[in-house]
Amino acid sequence: NEAGKAYRGKEKIRALLKKALAGAKGSKQSVKVLNLRFVKPDVAIEEGEVSVTGKDGGSDLGRYEAVWLKLDGKWYMSRVRDLPDAVADEGPPATGKLKP
């Protein structure tokens, strides 16, 4: 979450999402996959954008990264996290530390 707390396990994540989505009735969500790369044949990293449009017409756009694992022929999401908003005129966050 925004405070940095991690949730693990289906039931905890399901409860978290149910609570978060309760206030979003009437909203619409769309997901756009921007990049998908395979680090191994059974491990993929997905980057994308999620757009949520509220009942009032206002929208919110956020970036995410998900790690997928293939187990017994099925793909499972192992981890997903929000990514910080990109600033057009800034380099990657590590640029300042790596440059010297």
Protein backbone atom coordinates (compact mmCIF):
# COMPACT_ATOMS: atom_id res chain seq x y z
CA ASN A 1 0.00 0.00 0.00
CA GLU A 2 1.00 3.67 -0.04
CA ALA A 3 2.56 3.32 3.44
CA GLY A 4 4.83 0.52 2.25
CA LYS A 5 3.03 -2.35 3.98
CA ALA A 6 3.09 -5.62 2.01
CA TYR A 7 0.22 -8.10 1.99
CA ARG A 8 0.76 -11.80 1.31
CA GLY A 9 -1.65 -14.63 0.66
CA LYS A 10 -4.89 -14.86 -1.30
CA GLU A 11 -7.21 -14.18 1.62
CA LYS A 12 -5.38 -11.06 2.83
CA ILE A 13 -5.14 -9.67 -0.70
CA ARG A 14 -8.79 -10.49 -1.42
CA ALA A 15 -9.89 -8.69 1.77
CA LEU A 16 -7.69 -5.68 0.95
CA LEU A 17 -9.09 -5.41 -2.58
CA LYS A 18 -12.69 -5.87 -1.41
CA LYS A 19 -12.27 -3.01 1.07
CA ALA A 20 -10.51 -0.77 -1.48
CA LEU A 21 -13.06 -1.41 -4.23
CA ALA A 22 -16.12 -0.92 -2.01
CA GLY A 23 -15.84 2.85 -2.46
CA ALA A 24 -15.35 2.53 -6.22
CA LYS A 25 -18.83 1.34 -7.20
CA GLY A 26 -19.69 2.61 -10.67
CA SER A 27 -16.06 3.13 -11.60
CA LYS A 28 -14.42 1.50 -14.59
CA GLN A 29 -10.90 0.16 -14.75
CA SER A 30 -8.76 -0.60 -17.76
CA VAL A 31 -5.31 -2.15 -17.90
CA LYS A 32 -2.78 -1.54 -20.67
CA VAL A 33 0.29 -3.77 -20.83
CA LEU A 34 3.25 -1.66 -21.99
CA ASN A 35 6.05 -4.21 -21.82
CA LEU A 36 6.36 -7.95 -21.24
CA ARG A 37 9.76 -9.58 -21.00
CA PHE A 38 10.73 -13.12 -20.19
CA VAL A 39 13.72 -13.40 -17.88
CA LYS A 40 13.40 -17.20 -18.10
CA PRO A 41 10.91 -19.36 -20.02
CA ASP A 42 8.83 -19.67 -16.83
CA VAL A 43 9.33 -16.14 -15.41
CA ALA A 44 7.93 -12.97 -16.99
CA ILE A 45 7.94 -9.33 -15.92
CA GLU A 46 5.01 -7.18 -17.03
CA GLU A 47 4.91 -3.39 -16.91
CA GLY A 48 1.74 -1.49 -17.58
CA GLU A 49 -0.73 1.25 -16.76
CA VAL A 50 -4.03 1.07 -14.92
CA SER A 51 -6.66 3.71 -15.55
CA VAL A 52 -9.65 4.11 -13.23
CA THR A 53 -12.52 6.33 -14.33
CA GLY A 54 -14.96 7.30 -11.59
CA LYS A 55 -18.71 7.84 -11.79
CA ASP A 56 -18.07 11.58 -11.96
CA GLY A 57 -15.87 11.16 -15.07
CA GLY A 58 -12.59 11.93 -13.32
CA SER A 59 -9.78 9.51 -13.99
CA ASP A 60 -6.62 8.32 -12.28
CA LEU A 61 -3.69 6.70 -14.07
CA GLY A 62 -1.01 4.62 -12.38
CA ARG A 63 1.91 2.45 -13.47
CA TYR A 64 2.63 -1.04 -12.17
CA GLU A 65 5.02 -3.97 -12.46
CA ALA A 66 3.99 -7.61 -12.08
CA VAL A 67 6.10 -10.76 -11.87
CA TRP A 68 4.52 -13.89 -13.37
CA LEU A 69 5.63 -17.49 -12.71
CA LYS A 70 4.66 -20.53 -14.75
CA LEU A 71 3.96 -23.55 -12.54
CA ASP A 72 2.58 -26.85 -13.83
CA GLY A 73 1.70 -25.22 -17.16
CA LYS A 74 -0.30 -22.32 -15.65
CA TRP A 75 0.78 -18.69 -15.18
CA TYR A 76 0.45 -17.16 -11.71
CA MET A 77 1.04 -13.60 -10.57
CA SER A 78 3.78 -13.83 -7.97
CA ARG A 79 4.08 -10.14 -7.14
CA VAL A 80 2.66 -6.81 -8.24
CA ARG A 81 3.70 -3.33 -7.16
CA ASP A 82 2.91 0.25 -8.01
CA LEU A 83 5.62 2.18 -9.81
CA PRO A 84 6.35 5.85 -9.18
CA ASP A 85 5.05 8.35 -11.68
CA ALA A 86 7.64 9.17 -14.32
CA VAL A 87 8.74 12.77 -14.68
CA ALA A 88 9.51 13.58 -18.32
CA ASP A 89 12.63 15.70 -17.72
CA GLU A 90 14.23 13.54 -15.01
CA GLY A 91 16.46 10.53 -15.52
CA PRO A 92 15.97 7.25 -13.69
CA PRO A 93 16.07 7.57 -9.86
CA ALA A 94 19.51 5.92 -9.62
CA THR A 95 21.16 8.26 -12.15
CA GLY A 96 22.44 10.69 -9.50
CA LYS A 97 24.04 7.92 -7.46
CA LEU A 98 25.53 6.00 -10.37
CA LYS A 99 26.93 8.96 -12.31
CA PRO A 100 29.94 9.62 -9.98
